[in-house]
Protein backbone atom coordinates (compact mmCIF):
# COMPACT_ATOMS: atom_id res chain seq x y z
CA MET A 1 122.98 91.41 140.92
CA ALA A 2 120.41 89.86 138.62
CA LEU A 3 121.27 89.68 134.96
CA SER A 4 118.11 89.66 132.89
CA LEU A 5 119.65 89.00 129.47
CA ASP A 6 118.02 86.98 126.74
CA ILE A 7 121.14 85.10 125.72
CA ASN A 8 122.45 81.59 125.93
CA THR A 9 121.75 79.98 129.34
CA ASN A 10 125.22 78.54 129.75
CA LEU A 11 126.80 81.92 129.03
CA ARG A 12 124.52 83.58 131.55
CA LYS A 13 125.43 81.02 134.23
CA LEU A 14 129.13 81.42 133.50
CA ALA A 15 128.88 85.20 133.77
CA GLY A 16 127.10 84.87 137.11
CA ARG A 17 129.83 82.61 138.49
CA VAL A 18 132.55 85.00 137.32
CA LEU A 19 130.80 87.99 138.90
CA THR A 20 130.25 86.13 142.21
CA GLY A 21 133.92 85.18 142.37
CA VAL A 22 135.05 88.77 141.73
CA MET A 23 132.80 90.17 144.47
CA ARG A 24 133.99 87.58 146.99
CA ARG A 25 137.63 88.25 146.19
CA PHE A 26 137.71 92.03 145.91
CA GLY A 27 134.59 93.29 147.65
CA ASP A 28 131.62 95.38 146.56
CA PRO A 29 133.34 98.44 144.89
CA VAL A 30 135.40 96.32 142.53
CA GLY A 31 132.50 93.93 142.11
CA GLN A 32 130.16 96.72 141.06
CA GLN A 33 132.71 97.94 138.47
CA ALA A 34 133.15 94.41 137.19
CA SER A 35 129.39 94.06 137.06
CA THR A 36 129.08 97.12 134.85
CA MET A 37 131.80 95.91 132.50
CA LEU A 38 130.32 92.44 132.36
CA SER A 39 126.87 93.78 131.62
CA THR A 40 128.26 95.84 128.74
CA ALA A 41 130.06 92.82 127.32
CA LEU A 42 126.95 90.69 127.57
CA ASP A 43 124.87 93.40 125.93
CA ASN A 44 127.27 93.33 123.01
CA THR A 45 127.03 89.57 122.93
CA LYS A 46 123.26 89.77 122.93
CA ALA A 47 123.34 92.17 119.98
CA ALA A 48 125.69 89.88 118.09
CA VAL A 49 123.48 86.87 118.73
CA ALA A 50 120.46 88.84 117.53
CA GLN A 51 122.09 89.37 114.13
CA ARG A 52 120.41 86.86 111.91
CA SER A 53 122.56 87.06 108.80
CA ALA A 54 123.20 84.57 106.07
CA SER A 55 126.89 85.34 106.34
CA VAL A 56 127.19 84.29 109.99
CA PRO A 57 126.91 80.53 110.56
CA PRO A 58 125.49 79.19 113.82
CA PRO A 59 127.98 78.36 116.58
CA GLU A 60 129.61 74.95 116.45
CA VAL A 61 129.05 72.39 119.16
CA PRO A 62 132.49 71.38 120.53
CA GLY A 63 133.39 67.73 120.25
CA THR A 64 130.81 66.81 117.64
CA GLY A 65 131.75 65.11 114.39
CA GLN A 66 135.20 64.57 112.93
CA LYS A 67 137.24 67.45 111.56
CA TRP A 68 137.76 67.26 107.85
CA GLY A 69 141.20 67.26 106.28
CA GLY A 70 140.40 69.58 103.40
CA THR A 71 142.28 72.73 102.46
CA ASN A 72 141.91 75.34 105.16
CA VAL A 73 142.28 78.83 103.68
CA LYS A 74 141.90 80.60 107.00
CA GLY A 75 145.37 79.33 107.88
CA SER A 76 146.79 81.58 105.14
CA ILE A 77 145.27 84.88 106.32
CA SER A 78 147.58 87.84 105.71
CA ARG A 79 147.82 89.95 108.87
CA LYS A 80 148.75 93.03 106.88
CA GLN A 81 145.90 92.74 104.39
CA GLN A 82 143.42 91.84 107.13
CA ARG A 83 144.48 94.87 109.17
CA LEU A 84 144.06 97.15 106.16
CA PHE A 85 140.68 95.68 105.25
CA SER A 86 139.44 95.95 108.83
CA SER A 87 140.63 99.54 109.28
CA GLU A 88 138.28 102.48 109.62
CA GLY A 89 139.69 104.05 106.45
CA ALA A 90 138.77 101.00 104.39
CA ARG A 91 135.08 101.56 105.21
CA TYR A 92 134.93 104.62 102.99
CA GLY A 93 136.76 103.19 99.97
CA LYS A 94 136.99 100.13 97.73
CA ALA A 95 139.50 97.63 99.05
CA THR A 96 138.91 94.75 96.62
CA THR A 97 140.06 96.27 93.33
CA TYR A 98 143.10 94.04 92.90
CA THR A 99 141.89 90.83 94.48
CA GLY A 100 142.60 87.32 93.30
CA PRO A 101 145.16 85.89 90.91
CA THR A 102 145.95 88.01 87.89
CA PRO A 103 144.24 87.11 84.60
CA GLY A 104 147.65 86.44 83.04
CA ALA A 105 148.24 83.57 85.48
CA TYR A 106 146.03 81.24 83.47
CA SER A 107 146.07 79.88 79.97
CA ALA A 108 143.85 81.73 77.55
CA LYS A 109 140.54 79.97 76.92
CA PRO A 110 141.42 76.29 77.41
CA GLU A 111 139.42 73.76 75.43
CA ILE A 112 136.22 72.86 77.21
CA ASN A 113 135.94 69.10 77.43
CA LEU A 114 134.76 66.53 79.94
CA GLY A 115 138.21 66.32 81.52
CA LEU A 116 138.37 70.08 82.14
CA ILE A 117 134.84 70.12 83.58
CA ALA A 118 135.67 67.25 85.94
CA ARG A 119 138.85 68.97 87.19
CA VAL A 120 137.01 72.26 87.79
CA HIS A 121 134.20 70.57 89.72
CA THR A 122 136.62 68.54 91.83
CA HIS A 123 138.65 71.67 92.61
CA VAL A 124 135.55 73.34 94.02
CA GLU A 125 134.17 70.34 95.88
CA ARG A 126 137.38 69.23 97.59
CA ASN A 127 139.33 72.46 98.09
CA GLY A 128 136.77 75.26 97.96
CA TYR A 129 138.70 77.39 95.45
CA MET A 130 136.38 79.17 93.04
CA TRP A 131 138.62 80.78 90.42
CA ASP A 132 138.47 78.03 87.78
CA LYS A 133 134.73 77.52 88.11
CA ALA A 134 134.02 81.27 88.22
CA ASP A 135 135.98 81.75 85.00
CA LEU A 136 134.19 78.83 83.36
CA ASP A 137 130.77 80.10 84.49
CA ASP A 138 131.43 83.55 83.05
CA ARG A 139 132.82 82.10 79.84
CA ILE A 140 129.87 79.87 78.97
CA VAL A 141 127.40 82.69 79.59
CA ARG A 142 129.40 84.99 77.32
CA GLU A 143 129.88 82.47 74.53
CA HIS A 144 126.64 80.51 74.44
CA GLU A 145 124.04 82.06 72.17
CA HIS A 146 121.14 80.56 74.16
CA LEU A 147 122.44 80.65 77.73
CA HIS A 148 123.19 84.37 77.61
CA PRO A 149 119.60 85.51 76.91
CA ALA A 150 118.25 82.86 79.32
CA ASP A 151 120.38 84.28 82.12
CA ARG A 152 119.21 87.78 81.19
CA SER A 153 115.59 86.61 81.20
CA ARG A 154 115.94 85.24 84.73
CA ARG A 155 117.21 88.60 85.99
CA ALA A 156 114.51 90.62 84.22
CA TRP A 157 112.28 90.76 87.32
CA ILE A 158 114.69 93.22 88.95
CA PHE A 159 113.93 95.94 86.41
CA SER A 160 110.30 95.02 85.75
CA SER A 161 109.11 94.80 89.35
CA HIS A 162 108.92 97.43 92.05
CA PRO A 163 110.98 97.06 95.25
CA SER A 164 109.48 98.23 98.49
CA ILE A 165 111.05 98.79 101.90
CA ARG A 166 108.49 97.87 104.54
CA PRO A 167 108.51 98.80 108.23
CA ARG A 168 109.26 96.02 110.69
CA ASN A 169 106.14 96.83 112.72
CA LYS A 170 103.40 99.47 113.01
CA THR A 171 105.17 101.77 115.48
CA THR A 172 106.14 105.33 114.62
CA LEU A 173 109.79 104.52 115.22
CA ALA A 174 109.66 101.63 112.75
CA LEU A 175 108.22 103.98 110.13
CA LEU A 176 110.96 106.55 110.73
CA VAL A 177 113.67 103.87 110.52
CA ARG A 178 112.12 102.65 107.29
CA ASN A 179 112.19 106.21 105.91
CA ALA A 180 115.84 106.56 106.92
CA VAL A 181 116.84 103.31 105.22
CA GLN A 182 114.83 104.29 102.14
CA ALA A 183 116.73 107.58 102.03
CA VAL A 184 120.04 105.67 102.20
CA VAL A 185 118.96 103.35 99.36
CA ASP A 186 117.81 106.31 97.25
CA ASP A 187 121.21 107.89 97.81
CA LEU A 188 123.01 104.69 96.76
CA ASP A 189 124.51 104.74 93.28
CA GLY A 190 122.98 102.02 91.07
CA PHE A 191 121.03 99.93 93.57
CA ASP A 192 119.12 98.04 90.84
CA SER A 193 122.34 97.28 88.98
CA SER A 194 123.94 96.01 92.18
CA VAL A 195 120.98 93.71 92.83
CA CYS A 196 121.25 92.46 89.24
CA GLU A 197 124.95 91.69 89.69
CA ALA A 198 124.17 89.83 92.92
CA GLN A 199 122.21 87.30 90.84
CA ILE A 200 125.55 85.81 89.86
CA ALA A 201 124.85 83.64 92.89
CA ASN A 202 122.12 81.83 90.92
CA ARG A 203 124.78 80.71 88.45
CA SER A 204 127.86 80.26 90.63
CA GLY A 205 126.35 79.67 94.06
CA ALA A 206 127.33 82.85 95.89
CA CYS A 207 128.08 86.53 95.46
CA LEU A 208 130.02 88.92 97.71
CA GLN A 209 129.53 92.68 97.44
CA GLU A 210 131.76 95.21 99.17
CA ILE A 211 129.95 98.07 100.90
CA VAL A 212 131.57 101.46 100.26
CA TRP A 213 130.38 103.80 103.01
CA ARG A 214 130.27 107.59 102.95
CA ARG A 215 129.36 110.30 105.43
CA ARG A 216 126.39 112.37 104.30
CA ARG A 217 123.91 114.86 105.61
CA LEU A 218 120.77 112.86 104.96
CA ARG A 219 117.21 114.13 104.84
CA VAL A 220 114.80 111.70 106.48
CA PRO A 221 111.05 112.36 106.04
CA VAL A 222 109.17 112.53 109.34
CA SER A 223 105.82 113.58 107.87
CA ALA A 224 104.21 114.27 104.52
CA LYS A 225 105.85 117.71 104.21
CA ALA A 226 108.66 117.76 106.77
CA GLY A 227 111.95 116.02 107.28
CA VAL A 228 114.93 116.00 109.58
CA LEU A 229 118.56 116.36 108.54
CA VAL A 230 120.83 113.78 110.11
CA GLU A 231 124.58 113.45 109.75
CA CYS A 232 125.03 109.71 109.30
CA ASP A 233 126.81 106.97 107.38
CA THR A 234 125.23 106.12 104.04
CA VAL A 235 126.20 103.68 101.31
CA ALA A 236 127.97 105.10 98.28
CA SER A 237 127.96 101.89 96.24
CA LEU A 238 127.96 98.10 96.34
CA GLU A 239 131.01 96.74 94.53
CA THR A 240 130.82 93.10 93.45
CA ILE A 241 133.91 91.12 94.45
CA PRO A 242 135.05 88.83 91.61
CA LEU A 243 134.17 85.28 92.58
CA ARG A 244 137.45 84.06 91.10
CA SER A 245 139.17 85.67 94.09
CA VAL A 246 137.01 83.80 96.64
CA ALA A 247 137.61 80.48 98.36
CA PHE A 248 135.35 78.72 100.84
CA ASP A 249 136.35 76.92 103.98
CA VAL A 250 135.23 73.35 103.27
CA GLU A 251 134.50 72.85 106.96
CA ASN A 252 132.03 75.66 107.63
CA ASP A 253 131.34 77.18 104.17
CA ARG A 254 132.81 80.52 105.23
CA PRO A 255 134.10 82.71 102.36
CA TYR A 256 137.61 84.17 102.24
CA VAL A 257 138.99 86.66 99.73
CA ASN A 258 142.41 86.45 98.11
CA MET A 259 144.07 89.88 98.17
CA GLY A 260 146.86 88.82 95.83
CA GLY A 261 150.01 86.85 96.48
CA TRP A 262 148.07 84.15 98.32
CA GLY A 263 147.29 86.54 101.13
CA TRP A 264 143.76 85.85 102.35
CA ILE A 265 141.37 87.89 104.47
CA ASP A 266 138.13 87.23 106.31
CA PRO A 267 135.67 89.72 104.73
CA LEU A 268 132.96 89.21 107.37
CA THR A 269 134.66 89.29 110.76
CA ASP A 270 137.88 90.72 112.14
CA PRO A 271 139.83 87.65 113.39
CA ARG A 272 141.63 89.74 116.03
CA THR A 273 138.51 91.08 117.76
CA GLY A 274 135.77 88.77 116.52
CA GLN A 275 133.64 91.82 115.64
CA PRO A 276 131.65 91.98 112.41
CA LEU A 277 133.18 94.29 109.82
CA ARG A 278 129.89 95.37 108.20
CA LYS A 279 131.86 95.65 104.97
CA VAL A 280 130.55 92.82 102.78
CA VAL A 281 127.12 91.50 101.81
CA TYR A 282 127.22 87.73 101.36
CA TYR A 283 124.41 86.40 99.16
CA LYS A 284 123.85 82.66 98.79
CA GLY A 285 122.03 81.49 95.67
CA TYR A 286 119.08 79.16 95.68
CA GLY A 287 119.85 75.55 96.41
CA ASP A 288 120.84 73.07 99.06
CA GLY A 289 124.18 72.34 100.63
CA PRO A 290 127.26 74.57 100.73
CA ALA A 291 127.16 77.82 98.79
CA ARG A 292 130.03 76.75 96.51
CA MET A 293 127.96 73.74 95.38
CA ARG A 294 124.87 75.74 94.40
CA GLY A 295 123.85 77.38 91.16
CA TYR A 296 123.00 76.06 87.73
CA GLY A 297 126.62 76.35 86.54
CA PHE A 298 127.48 72.74 87.34
CA ALA A 299 124.78 71.32 85.06
CA ALA A 300 125.20 74.05 82.44
CA HIS A 301 128.85 73.10 81.88
CA HIS A 302 127.93 69.72 80.39
CA LEU A 303 125.06 71.09 78.30
CA HIS A 304 127.32 73.82 76.96
CA TRP A 305 129.99 71.28 76.03
CA LEU A 306 127.52 68.98 74.25
CA SER A 307 125.91 71.90 72.43
CA LYS A 308 129.22 73.30 71.18
CA LEU A 309 130.35 69.80 70.17
CA SER A 310 127.21 69.44 68.06
CA TRP A 311 127.81 72.86 66.53
CA GLU A 312 131.36 71.84 65.63
CA LYS A 313 130.28 68.59 63.97
CA TRP A 314 127.44 70.34 62.17
CA ALA A 315 129.87 72.96 60.88
CA MET A 316 132.22 70.21 59.62
CA LEU A 317 129.28 68.56 57.88
CA ALA A 318 128.33 71.84 56.25
CA GLU A 319 131.92 72.43 55.15
CA VAL A 320 132.20 69.00 53.51
CA TYR A 321 128.72 68.54 52.11
CA GLY A 322 127.26 72.01 52.28
CA VAL A 323 128.29 72.93 48.71
CA SER A 324 127.52 70.51 45.93
CA THR A 325 130.45 69.62 43.67
CA PRO A 326 129.82 69.65 39.88
CA TYR A 327 131.14 66.76 37.83
CA LEU A 328 130.94 65.20 34.37
CA GLN A 329 130.15 61.55 33.88
CA PRO A 330 130.92 60.42 30.31
CA ASP A 331 129.61 57.26 28.73
CA PHE A 332 131.80 54.24 29.06
CA GLY A 333 131.92 53.83 25.29
CA GLU A 334 133.51 57.20 24.66
CA GLN A 335 137.21 57.55 24.35
CA ILE A 336 138.32 60.46 26.58
CA THR A 337 141.67 61.97 25.87
CA ASP A 338 143.79 64.02 28.21
CA GLU A 339 142.86 67.14 26.25
CA ASP A 340 139.16 66.39 26.68
CA GLU A 341 139.61 65.89 30.45
CA ALA A 342 141.52 69.18 30.75
CA ASP A 343 138.81 71.03 28.79
CA GLY A 344 136.14 69.55 31.04
CA GLU A 345 137.92 70.64 34.23
CA LEU A 346 138.29 74.17 32.88
CA ALA A 347 134.63 74.26 31.95
CA LEU A 348 133.57 73.09 35.44
CA ALA A 349 135.87 75.65 37.04
CA ASP A 350 134.13 78.44 35.11
CA LEU A 351 130.62 77.42 36.22
CA GLY A 352 128.77 80.20 37.99
CA LYS A 353 131.04 82.93 36.61
CA GLY A 354 128.90 83.79 33.63
CA ILE A 355 131.67 82.77 31.20
CA PRO A 356 130.42 81.08 28.00
CA VAL A 357 131.85 77.62 27.55
CA MET A 358 131.37 74.70 25.18
CA ILE A 359 131.48 71.13 26.45
CA SER A 360 131.64 68.15 24.11
CA ASN A 361 128.77 65.64 24.29
CA LYS A 362 131.21 62.79 24.82
CA LEU A 363 132.14 64.33 28.21
CA GLY A 364 128.69 63.58 29.48
CA GLU A 365 126.00 65.54 31.39
CA ILE A 366 126.90 68.03 34.11
CA LYS A 367 125.82 66.69 37.51
CA THR A 368 126.31 67.72 41.16
CA THR A 369 127.03 65.66 44.26
CA PRO A 370 124.04 65.15 46.58
CA THR A 371 123.89 66.67 50.09
CA PRO A 372 123.18 64.10 52.85
CA SER A 373 119.91 64.90 54.57
CA ALA A 374 119.79 62.18 57.18
CA ILE A 375 122.79 63.42 59.19
CA THR A 376 121.73 67.04 59.69
CA PRO A 377 118.73 66.39 61.99
CA ILE A 378 121.00 64.57 64.48
CA HIS A 379 123.06 67.65 65.32
CA GLN A 380 120.04 69.93 65.12
CA ALA A 381 118.18 67.72 67.58
CA LEU A 382 121.13 67.63 70.00
CA ILE A 383 121.46 71.43 69.94
CA GLY A 384 117.72 71.78 70.50
CA TYR A 385 117.86 69.34 73.39
CA CYS A 386 120.70 71.28 75.01
CA ASN A 387 118.94 74.61 74.57
CA THR A 388 115.74 73.21 76.06
CA GLY A 389 117.68 71.87 79.02
CA LEU A 390 119.39 75.22 79.56
CA SER A 391 116.05 77.05 79.45
CA LYS A 392 114.54 74.79 82.09
CA LEU A 393 117.72 74.95 84.13
CA VAL A 394 118.00 78.75 84.19
CA THR A 395 114.46 80.13 83.90
CA GLY A 396 112.37 77.15 84.96
CA GLN A 397 110.47 77.03 81.66
CA THR A 398 111.03 76.69 77.92
CA LEU A 399 108.13 78.42 76.18
CA ALA A 400 109.52 81.97 76.24
CA MET A 401 112.88 80.83 74.86
CA GLU A 402 111.82 78.09 72.43
CA MET A 403 108.24 78.53 71.20
CA GLY A 404 107.84 82.27 70.99
CA SER A 405 104.18 83.12 70.50
CA SER A 406 103.16 79.59 69.49
CA GLY A 407 101.55 77.01 71.73
CA SER A 408 98.23 76.84 73.48
CA TYR A 409 97.00 79.32 76.05
CA ASN A 410 97.16 76.77 78.86
CA ALA A 411 100.76 75.93 78.01
CA THR A 412 101.63 79.61 77.98
CA GLU A 413 100.04 80.13 81.38
CA THR A 414 101.80 77.07 82.84
CA HIS A 415 105.20 78.19 81.64
CA ALA A 416 104.58 81.74 82.86
CA ASP A 417 103.66 80.38 86.29
CA GLN A 418 106.91 78.40 86.39
CA GLN A 419 108.98 81.43 85.47
CA GLU A 420 107.18 83.54 88.06
CA ALA A 421 107.89 80.88 90.70
CA VAL A 422 111.62 81.12 89.95
CA GLN A 423 111.49 84.90 90.09
CA ARG A 424 109.69 84.79 93.44
CA ILE A 425 112.39 82.52 94.86
CA ASP A 426 115.13 84.87 93.65
CA SER A 427 113.35 88.00 94.88
CA ARG A 428 112.60 86.51 98.30
CA GLY A 429 116.19 85.32 98.77
CA THR A 430 117.58 88.66 97.62
CA GLY A 431 115.22 90.61 99.86
CA ASN A 432 116.06 88.53 102.93
CA THR A 433 119.80 88.89 102.32
CA TYR A 434 119.75 92.65 101.89
CA SER A 435 117.36 93.08 104.82
CA GLU A 436 119.33 90.96 107.29
CA GLN A 437 122.72 92.22 106.22
CA LEU A 438 122.81 95.55 104.37
CA PHE A 439 119.83 97.14 106.13
CA ARG A 440 120.94 95.76 109.50
CA TYR A 441 124.43 97.16 108.99
CA ILE A 442 122.98 100.57 108.08
CA CYS A 443 120.89 100.60 111.23
CA GLU A 444 123.79 99.41 113.43
CA VAL A 445 126.24 102.14 112.37
CA ASN A 446 123.57 104.86 112.64
CA ALA A 447 121.59 103.63 115.64
CA ALA A 448 122.90 106.30 118.03
CA CYS A 449 122.37 109.34 115.81
CA TRP A 450 119.00 108.11 114.55
CA ALA A 451 117.78 107.52 118.09
CA TYR A 452 118.76 111.09 118.99
CA ALA A 453 117.15 112.58 115.85
CA PHE A 454 113.87 110.61 115.99
CA ALA A 455 113.18 110.87 119.73
CA ARG A 456 111.08 114.04 119.41
CA TYR A 457 108.88 112.51 116.68
CA CYS A 458 107.78 109.37 118.49
CA PRO A 459 106.49 110.44 121.90
CA GLY A 460 105.46 107.65 124.19
CA GLU A 461 107.71 105.14 122.44
CA GLU A 462 111.15 103.93 123.40
CA CYS A 463 113.68 105.54 121.07
CA THR A 464 117.09 104.07 121.88
CA PRO A 465 119.79 102.42 119.75
CA GLU A 466 118.45 99.06 120.94
CA ALA A 467 114.94 100.04 119.84
CA ILE A 468 116.32 101.13 116.46
CA MET A 469 117.78 97.63 115.97
CA GLN A 470 114.36 96.13 116.64
CA CYS A 471 112.97 98.11 113.70
CA VAL A 472 115.22 96.99 110.85
CA PRO A 473 112.95 97.21 107.76
CA LYS A 474 112.32 94.50 105.21
CA LEU A 475 113.00 94.57 101.47
CA ALA A 476 110.59 92.93 99.05
CA TRP A 477 109.71 92.95 95.36
CA ASP A 478 106.34 92.67 93.68
CA VAL A 479 106.85 90.17 90.82
CA SER A 480 103.20 89.80 89.82
CA ARG A 481 103.05 89.41 86.07
CA ASN A 482 99.46 89.97 84.99
CA VAL A 483 99.05 93.54 86.21
CA THR A 484 99.24 96.32 83.61
CA LYS A 485 99.93 99.95 84.42
CA THR A 486 96.29 100.79 83.79
CA GLU A 487 95.13 98.07 86.16
CA ARG A 488 97.65 99.22 88.75
CA LEU A 489 96.39 102.80 88.48
CA ASN A 490 92.82 101.59 88.96
CA MET A 491 94.00 99.71 92.03
CA PHE A 492 95.43 102.91 93.50
CA VAL A 493 92.26 104.83 92.68
CA THR A 494 90.09 102.18 94.32
CA ALA A 495 92.28 102.14 97.41
CA SER A 496 92.12 105.93 97.63
CA ASP A 497 88.33 105.88 97.27
CA HIS A 498 88.14 103.52 100.24
CA GLY A 499 90.07 105.95 102.40
CA LEU A 500 93.53 104.34 102.26
CA ALA A 501 96.53 106.68 102.37
CA ILE A 502 98.54 106.38 99.14
CA ASP A 503 102.09 107.55 98.56
CA PRO A 504 101.89 109.76 95.42
CA ASP A 505 105.51 109.02 94.51
CA GLN A 506 104.67 105.32 94.34
CA VAL A 507 101.76 106.01 92.00
CA TYR A 508 103.88 108.09 89.62
CA GLU A 509 106.69 105.53 89.61
CA GLU A 510 104.71 102.33 89.17
CA CYS A 511 102.21 103.76 86.69
CA GLY A 512 104.79 105.47 84.49
CA LEU A 513 103.44 108.97 85.08
CA ARG A 514 105.33 112.24 85.19
CA PRO A 515 105.14 114.08 88.53
CA PRO A 516 104.08 117.75 88.59
CA LEU A 517 106.70 120.28 87.56
CA ASP A 518 106.18 122.30 90.74
CA GLY A 519 107.48 119.37 92.77
CA ALA A 520 104.29 119.01 94.76
CA ALA A 521 103.32 115.35 95.07
CA ARG A 522 99.61 114.96 94.34
CA PHE A 523 97.40 111.98 93.72
CA GLY A 524 93.80 112.06 92.54
CA THR A 525 91.64 115.04 91.66
CA PRO A 526 91.53 117.79 94.28
CA LYS A 527 88.06 118.46 95.62
CA ALA A 528 88.11 122.07 94.51
CA ASP A 529 89.05 121.08 90.97
CA ALA A 530 86.43 118.34 90.92
CA ALA A 531 83.71 120.75 92.05
CA ALA A 532 84.79 123.34 89.52
CA ALA A 533 84.72 120.78 86.78
CA GLU A 534 81.26 119.67 87.79
CA ASN A 535 79.98 123.27 87.77
CA LYS A 536 81.93 123.98 84.57
CA ALA A 537 83.49 126.97 86.27
CA PRO A 538 87.08 127.98 85.55
CA VAL A 539 89.58 127.28 88.28
CA GLU A 540 92.08 129.97 89.12
CA ASP A 541 95.60 128.76 88.39
CA LYS A 542 97.83 129.88 91.23
CA PRO A 543 101.58 129.53 91.21
CA PRO A 544 103.08 127.18 93.79
CA THR A 545 104.17 128.81 96.99
CA ALA A 546 107.83 128.68 97.90
CA ASP A 547 108.83 126.43 100.80
CA THR A 548 111.07 128.39 103.10
CA SER A 549 111.95 125.49 105.39
CA THR A 550 115.36 123.84 105.29
CA ALA A 551 115.78 121.25 102.52
CA ASP A 552 112.14 121.03 101.43
CA GLY A 553 110.70 121.10 104.88
CA ALA A 554 113.60 119.46 106.67
CA THR A 555 114.84 120.65 110.04
CA ASP A 556 118.29 120.34 111.47
CA ALA A 557 119.01 117.73 114.10
CA ALA A 558 122.25 117.97 115.99
CA GLU A 559 124.22 114.78 116.41
CA PRO A 560 124.78 113.49 119.94
CA THR A 561 128.20 114.21 121.29
CA GLU A 562 130.36 111.34 122.34
């Protein structure tokens, strides 16, 4: 029997040898049964190989290199916790609520110094444990008056840009799969907030989000006015797993989650079966090397320490020299008694209280101590240097954080271009991660029921679970900065005038317009209304007609029986 499978050549040859041996030993009936089973197994292998996910590293070549002697967390996997996390019931709930060491296990806010920073960095580099660095990353963002808004500025593109889910290709099936995934995303609670939380990876190197599934009757649009109801698995929420509960295998950069009591689990794959769990989205931040070594947190630790050190010294300077001290300097020829000195001290103590006082001329003129002016610029310059470095480190530019509205137009444009470049990197990485993991998982768990529901709407095209997996849509964001809502509306109008089909919902959303109260999605001026306006004739206002179809034009689609 010929096996036409697009998988690894060595695996295909091995499967052929196994099948030949079975047929020689047991004959054709048993051989045919073994052939069927082998084909199914290889089909599953092919599907697994086709999964291009950031969470799944490429296979290792046996015998290459020298195995490292670092801490190996996968040797501490808890069978009980792994079994619970891999169970079917865990799919529809949150299993990472009590992960990681308890907050009470650590000292409260240790002093940040160079020794602490060195220990934290070494702990991550050598052992892969993230809890100390994750706590330090969160702390400096919370406490630093400049780093906090800079981090917020880097994430601003999520709420200022417009995400779009694009079909994989131009087939009808790809469009239907895109509509189905869009319906799942629209049904997801707080998708934008989840994407914003995923940007922790830009600071700490990685972010893991637990997928909480739920069974829903989902309406999938199949045309402009009709849809199909499909019973399928949707996503209730994406729950960010605290990075302090994560450790990375220093050999292959694979993440593991501590479930408490030093019991670890593999959040990506079931170790017993080797099957993907489709339970966690693993997002790697921008950078090179292992995920645990990425992010701006490493460099920000030193800038934060130097900035706070300068603030401390500046505060001490202000405490000592910030308030001038009044004093009396009598002439050397005057004889000052103890009574005169006591009267002078009382008079100086009453200064600024509005109390009348008389001071003898022999006590001298009232003077005040000078405030040093040469020391202050040193600390101010150091703090400014640190803030400038943090701005460039986080957002890629300094103008928005440091100069405000000042500076030349060319400088403003240059800094805006740099910030947009950073936002494009983040949006592209985020889009690829969610497309190749979250969207792929959604399509995998619903491939069978979607293929059954969409078959009637794509005649002439293959509509099978395998075809569904070839149509996983892509997620992208438009981070263009110099496009106002008015310009965007004009763009839609121009596109419509040239005959392009425009989604009215997109126009209302991106242009900040309110859709019609009757629920009918319209874009542009209807021809009848335009003609009436031209002839200055009144247009009869008719009430909207009621849609008697199921769920706004949706039709029921029975699920395939197993």
